[in-house]
Protein backbone atom coordinates (compact mmCIF):
# COMPACT_ATOMS: atom_id res chain seq x y z
CA MET A 1 0.00 0.00 0.00
CA SER A 2 1.42 3.38 -0.92
CA ARG A 3 2.03 6.17 1.56
CA LEU A 4 -0.77 8.19 -0.03
CA ALA A 5 -3.25 5.35 0.38
CA LYS A 6 -2.22 4.85 4.02
CA GLY A 7 -2.69 8.55 4.70
CA LEU A 8 -6.11 8.60 3.08
CA LEU A 9 -7.14 5.52 5.05
CA ILE A 10 -6.10 7.16 8.30
CA LEU A 11 -7.99 10.34 7.40
CA ALA A 12 -11.11 8.35 6.54
CA VAL A 13 -11.00 6.44 9.82
CA LEU A 14 -10.39 9.60 11.85
CA SER A 15 -13.26 11.46 10.20
CA ALA A 16 -15.57 8.47 10.72
CA THR A 17 -14.73 8.31 14.42
CA LEU A 18 -15.20 12.05 14.69
CA SER A 19 -18.67 11.76 13.21
CA CYS A 20 -19.54 9.00 15.68
CA PHE A 21 -18.49 11.00 18.73
CA THR A 22 -19.88 14.44 17.85
CA THR A 23 -23.31 15.49 18.99
CA GLU A 24 -23.68 18.63 16.87
CA LYS A 25 -25.50 18.00 13.62
CA ALA A 26 -23.48 20.42 11.46
CA VAL A 27 -20.07 19.03 12.46
CA GLY A 28 -21.32 15.45 12.13
CA ASP A 29 -22.50 15.98 8.56
CA ALA A 30 -19.24 17.60 7.50
CA SER A 31 -17.18 14.75 8.92
CA LEU A 32 -19.40 12.15 7.20
CA ILE A 33 -18.91 13.94 3.89
CA ALA A 34 -15.15 14.05 4.52
CA CYS A 35 -15.20 10.35 5.35
CA GLY A 36 -16.89 9.57 2.04
CA VAL A 37 -14.44 11.71 0.09
CA PHE A 38 -11.39 10.23 1.79
CA SER A 39 -12.72 6.69 1.32
CA GLY A 40 -13.30 7.28 -2.38
CA LEU A 41 -9.84 8.74 -2.80
CA PHE A 42 -8.39 5.79 -0.86
CA LEU A 43 -10.00 3.34 -3.28
CA LEU A 44 -8.76 5.39 -6.22
CA ALA A 45 -5.22 5.40 -4.81
CA LEU A 46 -5.35 1.62 -4.39
CA ALA A 47 -6.60 1.14 -7.94
CA LEU A 48 -3.97 3.46 -9.39
CA GLY A 49 -1.25 1.78 -7.34
CA ARG A 50 -2.42 -1.57 -8.71
CA LYS A 51 -2.42 -3.10 -5.26
CA ILE A 52 -5.80 -4.70 -5.88
CA LYS A 53 -5.14 -7.87 -7.82
CA PHE A 54 -7.73 -10.20 -9.26
CA ASP A 55 -6.84 -13.82 -9.79
CA PRO A 56 -9.45 -15.43 -12.03
CA VAL A 57 -8.05 -18.90 -11.37
CA LEU A 58 -9.07 -20.06 -7.92
CA ARG A 59 -6.43 -22.38 -6.49
């Protein structure tokens, strides 16, 4: 996993935990949006780094 993907994963997890522990509605929505953005960018970084491999032959 690349350093960029690790950083995006950490940011996504931190924003998800922030949204779980906040009681204010405005801050909770912003952190959920950030979590979605960071998660999408994490998946994009994994796909671009070609760390997701598909083996069609099951062994």
